[in-house]
Amino acid sequence: MAGCLLLMVLFFGMWLAFHLGGPRTTDWVDDLGELIAPLIAAGACGWAARKTSEARMAWGFLGASSFSWAAGQAVWCYYDLFRKVAVPFPSLADVGYLTAVPLAVIGLLSFPSALRRMASRIGALLDGVLISGSLLFVSWSTVLGPIYQSIRAAFSNRGFRWPIP
């Protein structure tokens, strides 16, 4: 099963990399592939939720998260593939995408583990905030800061005047 999934992912990646069938066909494969993947994940999470009693709630939230993402992608596909217009921002697709994140966090925190006490969970949360902040600092220092400065300089050299600090 894992080998079959790996082949599917490689095929999908090669299709997108080499634009097989032209740009429109590649757009269809890309959008539908991004719709099918979370639907498969939602089904797998639902199956796992039925098979276990300890982590039923956790798998349920992860399945809901995957389904929410799929709903957002379905709206995206509707605009992009059927109406053939640029997806508006914000749109209902964003609701699906943004709803998926808190559902996933709740699902991950709902798994039974050694971190049952609230103090342990708060400690884990603080560890995550510390790691995320460190990654933000390092990425700002090495990549994001220079990119921001170059964009700022490019716009100020062209005479654009808008609120760029």
C-alpha atoms as a PDB file:
ATOM      1  CA  MET A   1       0.000   0.000   0.000  1.00  0.00           C
ATOM      2  CA  ALA A   2       2.771   2.442   0.937  1.00  0.00           C
ATOM      3  CA  GLY A   3       4.572   1.678  -2.321  1.00  0.00           C
ATOM      4  CA  CYS A   4       1.432   2.416  -4.320  1.00  0.00           C
ATOM      5  CA  LEU A   5       0.968   5.742  -2.533  1.00  0.00           C
ATOM      6  CA  LEU A   6       4.618   6.626  -3.145  1.00  0.00           C
ATOM      7  CA  LEU A   7       4.219   5.922  -6.863  1.00  0.00           C
ATOM      8  CA  MET A   8       1.087   8.086  -6.974  1.00  0.00           C
ATOM      9  CA  VAL A   9       2.877  10.962  -5.248  1.00  0.00           C
ATOM     10  CA  LEU A  10       5.871  10.665  -7.591  1.00  0.00           C
ATOM     11  CA  PHE A  11       3.573  10.589 -10.628  1.00  0.00           C
ATOM     12  CA  PHE A  12       1.697  13.632  -9.338  1.00  0.00           C
ATOM     13  CA  GLY A  13       4.953  15.512  -8.704  1.00  0.00           C
ATOM     14  CA  MET A  14       6.363  14.661 -12.128  1.00  0.00           C
ATOM     15  CA  TRP A  15       3.115  15.713 -13.806  1.00  0.00           C
ATOM     16  CA  LEU A  16       3.296  19.097 -12.097  1.00  0.00           C
ATOM     17  CA  ALA A  17       7.022  19.518 -12.706  1.00  0.00           C
ATOM     18  CA  PHE A  18       6.902  18.729 -16.421  1.00  0.00           C
ATOM     19  CA  HIS A  19       3.416  20.151 -17.192  1.00  0.00           C
ATOM     20  CA  LEU A  20       2.308  16.966 -18.954  1.00  0.00           C
ATOM     21  CA  GLY A  21      -0.676  17.606 -21.199  1.00  0.00           C
ATOM     22  CA  GLY A  22      -0.231  21.377 -21.180  1.00  0.00           C
ATOM     23  CA  PRO A  23      -0.965  24.071 -18.637  1.00  0.00           C
ATOM     24  CA  ARG A  24      -4.734  23.606 -18.446  1.00  0.00           C
ATOM     25  CA  THR A  25      -4.503  19.842 -17.944  1.00  0.00           C
ATOM     26  CA  THR A  26      -1.788  20.364 -15.351  1.00  0.00           C
ATOM     27  CA  ASP A  27      -4.059  22.841 -13.550  1.00  0.00           C
ATOM     28  CA  TRP A  28      -6.829  20.208 -13.450  1.00  0.00           C
ATOM     29  CA  VAL A  29      -4.465  17.520 -12.161  1.00  0.00           C
ATOM     30  CA  ASP A  30      -3.044  19.911  -9.546  1.00  0.00           C
ATOM     31  CA  ASP A  31      -6.414  21.123  -8.247  1.00  0.00           C
ATOM     32  CA  LEU A  32      -8.077  17.702  -8.229  1.00  0.00           C
ATOM     33  CA  GLY A  33      -5.011  16.068  -6.663  1.00  0.00           C
ATOM     34  CA  GLU A  34      -5.133  18.638  -3.880  1.00  0.00           C
ATOM     35  CA  LEU A  35      -8.831  17.832  -3.431  1.00  0.00           C
ATOM     36  CA  ILE A  36      -8.481  14.046  -3.423  1.00  0.00           C
ATOM     37  CA  ALA A  37      -5.574  13.905  -0.937  1.00  0.00           C
ATOM     38  CA  PRO A  38      -7.440  15.476   2.022  1.00  0.00           C
ATOM     39  CA  LEU A  39     -10.538  13.417   1.220  1.00  0.00           C
ATOM     40  CA  ILE A  40      -8.439  10.246   1.463  1.00  0.00           C
ATOM     41  CA  ALA A  41      -6.921  11.559   4.704  1.00  0.00           C
ATOM     42  CA  ALA A  42     -10.382  12.308   6.124  1.00  0.00           C
ATOM     43  CA  GLY A  43     -11.518   8.791   5.262  1.00  0.00           C
ATOM     44  CA  ALA A  44      -8.415   7.254   6.851  1.00  0.00           C
ATOM     45  CA  CYS A  45      -8.920   9.322  10.013  1.00  0.00           C
ATOM     46  CA  GLY A  46     -12.566   8.271  10.163  1.00  0.00           C
ATOM     47  CA  TRP A  47     -11.542   4.625   9.823  1.00  0.00           C
ATOM     48  CA  ALA A  48      -8.946   5.057  12.586  1.00  0.00           C
ATOM     49  CA  ALA A  49     -11.534   6.747  14.812  1.00  0.00           C
ATOM     50  CA  ARG A  50     -13.857   3.749  14.474  1.00  0.00           C
ATOM     51  CA  LYS A  51     -11.060   1.254  15.177  1.00  0.00           C
ATOM     52  CA  THR A  52      -9.811   2.786  18.428  1.00  0.00           C
ATOM     53  CA  SER A  53     -11.582   3.853  21.547  1.00  0.00           C
ATOM     54  CA  GLU A  54      -8.732   5.723  23.251  1.00  0.00           C
ATOM     55  CA  ALA A  55      -8.017   8.199  20.494  1.00  0.00           C
ATOM     56  CA  ARG A  56     -11.443   8.360  18.856  1.00  0.00           C
ATOM     57  CA  MET A  57     -11.841  12.084  19.539  1.00  0.00           C
ATOM     58  CA  ALA A  58      -8.337  12.896  18.291  1.00  0.00           C
ATOM     59  CA  TRP A  59      -8.836  11.017  15.032  1.00  0.00           C
ATOM     60  CA  GLY A  60     -12.261  12.612  14.663  1.00  0.00           C
ATOM     61  CA  PHE A  61     -10.826  16.114  14.897  1.00  0.00           C
ATOM     62  CA  LEU A  62      -8.022  15.248  12.462  1.00  0.00           C
ATOM     63  CA  GLY A  63     -10.604  13.841  10.059  1.00  0.00           C
ATOM     64  CA  ALA A  64     -12.714  16.983  10.404  1.00  0.00           C
ATOM     65  CA  SER A  65      -9.600  19.057   9.740  1.00  0.00           C
ATOM     66  CA  SER A  66      -8.851  17.103   6.570  1.00  0.00           C
ATOM     67  CA  PHE A  67     -12.459  17.360   5.436  1.00  0.00           C
ATOM     68  CA  SER A  68     -12.472  21.098   6.111  1.00  0.00           C
ATOM     69  CA  TRP A  69      -9.367  21.489   3.947  1.00  0.00           C
ATOM     70  CA  ALA A  70     -11.035  19.417   1.226  1.00  0.00           C
ATOM     71  CA  ALA A  71     -14.112  21.650   1.382  1.00  0.00           C
ATOM     72  CA  GLY A  72     -11.918  24.708   0.903  1.00  0.00           C
ATOM     73  CA  GLN A  73     -10.178  23.027  -2.015  1.00  0.00           C
ATOM     74  CA  ALA A  74     -13.554  22.110  -3.547  1.00  0.00           C
ATOM     75  CA  VAL A  75     -14.511  25.789  -3.558  1.00  0.00           C
ATOM     76  CA  TRP A  76     -11.109  26.604  -5.081  1.00  0.00           C
ATOM     77  CA  CYS A  77     -11.689  23.987  -7.809  1.00  0.00           C
ATOM     78  CA  TYR A  78     -15.122  25.435  -8.536  1.00  0.00           C
ATOM     79  CA  TYR A  79     -13.713  28.900  -9.160  1.00  0.00           C
ATOM     80  CA  ASP A  80     -10.557  27.799 -10.953  1.00  0.00           C
ATOM     81  CA  LEU A  81     -11.724  24.846 -13.044  1.00  0.00           C
ATOM     82  CA  PHE A  82     -15.415  25.380 -13.692  1.00  0.00           C
ATOM     83  CA  ARG A  83     -15.918  29.146 -13.620  1.00  0.00           C
ATOM     84  CA  LYS A  84     -12.372  29.742 -14.979  1.00  0.00           C
ATOM     85  CA  VAL A  85     -11.879  32.888 -12.925  1.00  0.00           C
ATOM     86  CA  ALA A  86      -9.284  33.932 -10.410  1.00  0.00           C
ATOM     87  CA  VAL A  87     -10.216  32.752  -6.954  1.00  0.00           C
ATOM     88  CA  PRO A  88     -11.381  35.813  -4.988  1.00  0.00           C
ATOM     89  CA  PHE A  89      -9.704  36.713  -1.745  1.00  0.00           C
ATOM     90  CA  PRO A  90     -11.176  36.232   0.743  1.00  0.00           C
ATOM     91  CA  SER A  91     -13.513  33.453  -0.342  1.00  0.00           C
ATOM     92  CA  LEU A  92     -15.291  30.453   1.090  1.00  0.00           C
ATOM     93  CA  ALA A  93     -12.174  28.446   0.220  1.00  0.00           C
ATOM     94  CA  ASP A  94     -10.312  30.429   2.879  1.00  0.00           C
ATOM     95  CA  VAL A  95     -12.953  29.476   5.444  1.00  0.00           C
ATOM     96  CA  GLY A  96     -12.260  25.797   4.783  1.00  0.00           C
ATOM     97  CA  TYR A  97      -8.498  26.236   4.865  1.00  0.00           C
ATOM     98  CA  LEU A  98      -8.495  28.348   8.017  1.00  0.00           C
ATOM     99  CA  THR A  99     -10.943  26.097   9.856  1.00  0.00           C
ATOM    100  CA  ALA A 100      -8.671  23.111   9.214  1.00  0.00           C
ATOM    101  CA  VAL A 101      -5.820  24.513  11.311  1.00  0.00           C
ATOM    102  CA  PRO A 102      -7.519  24.776  14.737  1.00  0.00           C
ATOM    103  CA  LEU A 103      -9.232  21.426  14.171  1.00  0.00           C
ATOM    104  CA  ALA A 104      -5.834  19.828  13.514  1.00  0.00           C
ATOM    105  CA  VAL A 105      -4.332  21.437  16.608  1.00  0.00           C
ATOM    106  CA  ILE A 106      -7.238  20.223  18.762  1.00  0.00           C
ATOM    107  CA  GLY A 107      -6.895  16.763  17.248  1.00  0.00           C
ATOM    108  CA  LEU A 108      -3.176  16.546  17.930  1.00  0.00           C
ATOM    109  CA  LEU A 109      -3.597  17.788  21.492  1.00  0.00           C
ATOM    110  CA  SER A 110      -6.401  15.265  22.059  1.00  0.00           C
ATOM    111  CA  PHE A 111      -4.244  12.193  21.602  1.00  0.00           C
ATOM    112  CA  PRO A 112      -3.821  10.317  24.862  1.00  0.00           C
ATOM    113  CA  SER A 113      -0.213  10.394  25.949  1.00  0.00           C
ATOM    114  CA  ALA A 114       2.073  10.845  28.901  1.00  0.00           C
ATOM    115  CA  LEU A 115       1.323  14.586  28.694  1.00  0.00           C
ATOM    116  CA  ARG A 116      -2.038  14.256  30.385  1.00  0.00           C
ATOM    117  CA  ARG A 117      -1.634  16.926  33.024  1.00  0.00           C
ATOM    118  CA  MET A 118      -2.398  20.491  32.006  1.00  0.00           C
ATOM    119  CA  ALA A 119       0.975  21.697  33.265  1.00  0.00           C
ATOM    120  CA  SER A 120       2.712  19.307  30.901  1.00  0.00           C
ATOM    121  CA  ARG A 121       0.599  20.501  27.991  1.00  0.00           C
ATOM    122  CA  ILE A 122       1.318  24.129  28.810  1.00  0.00           C
ATOM    123  CA  GLY A 123       5.013  23.276  28.972  1.00  0.00           C
ATOM    124  CA  ALA A 124       4.794  21.591  25.565  1.00  0.00           C
ATOM    125  CA  LEU A 125       2.972  24.623  24.175  1.00  0.00           C
ATOM    126  CA  LEU A 126       5.634  26.965  25.526  1.00  0.00           C
ATOM    127  CA  ASP A 127       8.338  24.754  24.045  1.00  0.00           C
ATOM    128  CA  GLY A 128       6.594  25.000  20.676  1.00  0.00           C
ATOM    129  CA  VAL A 129       6.338  28.791  20.944  1.00  0.00           C
ATOM    130  CA  LEU A 130      10.037  28.997  21.810  1.00  0.00           C
ATOM    131  CA  ILE A 131      11.031  26.810  18.861  1.00  0.00           C
ATOM    132  CA  SER A 132       8.735  28.701  16.475  1.00  0.00           C
ATOM    133  CA  GLY A 133      10.094  32.045  17.650  1.00  0.00           C
ATOM    134  CA  SER A 134      13.649  30.828  17.225  1.00  0.00           C
ATOM    135  CA  LEU A 135      12.913  29.643  13.692  1.00  0.00           C
ATOM    136  CA  LEU A 136      11.301  32.971  12.877  1.00  0.00           C
ATOM    137  CA  PHE A 137      14.345  34.854  14.201  1.00  0.00           C
ATOM    138  CA  VAL A 138      16.806  32.700  12.243  1.00  0.00           C
ATOM    139  CA  SER A 139      14.756  32.849   9.036  1.00  0.00           C
ATOM    140  CA  TRP A 140      14.349  36.624   9.380  1.00  0.00           C
ATOM    141  CA  SER A 141      18.069  37.057   9.888  1.00  0.00           C
ATOM    142  CA  THR A 142      19.074  34.848   6.990  1.00  0.00           C
ATOM    143  CA  VAL A 143      16.298  34.938   4.378  1.00  0.00           C
ATOM    144  CA  LEU A 144      13.159  36.934   5.138  1.00  0.00           C
ATOM    145  CA  GLY A 145      14.870  40.148   6.290  1.00  0.00           C
ATOM    146  CA  PRO A 146      17.045  40.540   3.174  1.00  0.00           C
ATOM    147  CA  ILE A 147      14.063  39.777   0.924  1.00  0.00           C
ATOM    148  CA  TYR A 148      11.954  42.362   2.746  1.00  0.00           C
ATOM    149  CA  GLN A 149      14.740  44.955   2.471  1.00  0.00           C
ATOM    150  CA  SER A 150      15.223  44.314  -1.270  1.00  0.00           C
ATOM    151  CA  ILE A 151      11.491  44.640  -1.962  1.00  0.00           C
ATOM    152  CA  ARG A 152      11.338  47.801   0.129  1.00  0.00           C
ATOM    153  CA  ALA A 153      14.330  49.255  -1.729  1.00  0.00           C
ATOM    154  CA  ALA A 154      12.918  48.274  -5.131  1.00  0.00           C
ATOM    155  CA  PHE A 155       9.625  50.032  -4.490  1.00  0.00           C
ATOM    156  CA  SER A 156      11.169  53.125  -2.965  1.00  0.00           C
ATOM    157  CA  ASN A 157      13.593  53.464  -5.916  1.00  0.00           C
ATOM    158  CA  ARG A 158      10.717  53.395  -8.407  1.00  0.00           C
ATOM    159  CA  GLY A 159       8.911  56.245  -6.740  1.00  0.00           C
ATOM    160  CA  PHE A 160       6.086  54.191  -5.334  1.00  0.00           C
ATOM    161  CA  ARG A 161       4.832  55.791  -2.172  1.00  0.00           C
ATOM    162  CA  TRP A 162       2.638  53.668  -0.038  1.00  0.00           C
ATOM    163  CA  PRO A 163       2.868  52.638   3.585  1.00  0.00           C
ATOM    164  CA  ILE A 164       5.995  50.478   3.531  1.00  0.00           C
ATOM    165  CA  PRO A 165       7.815  51.102   6.799  1.00  0.00           C
END
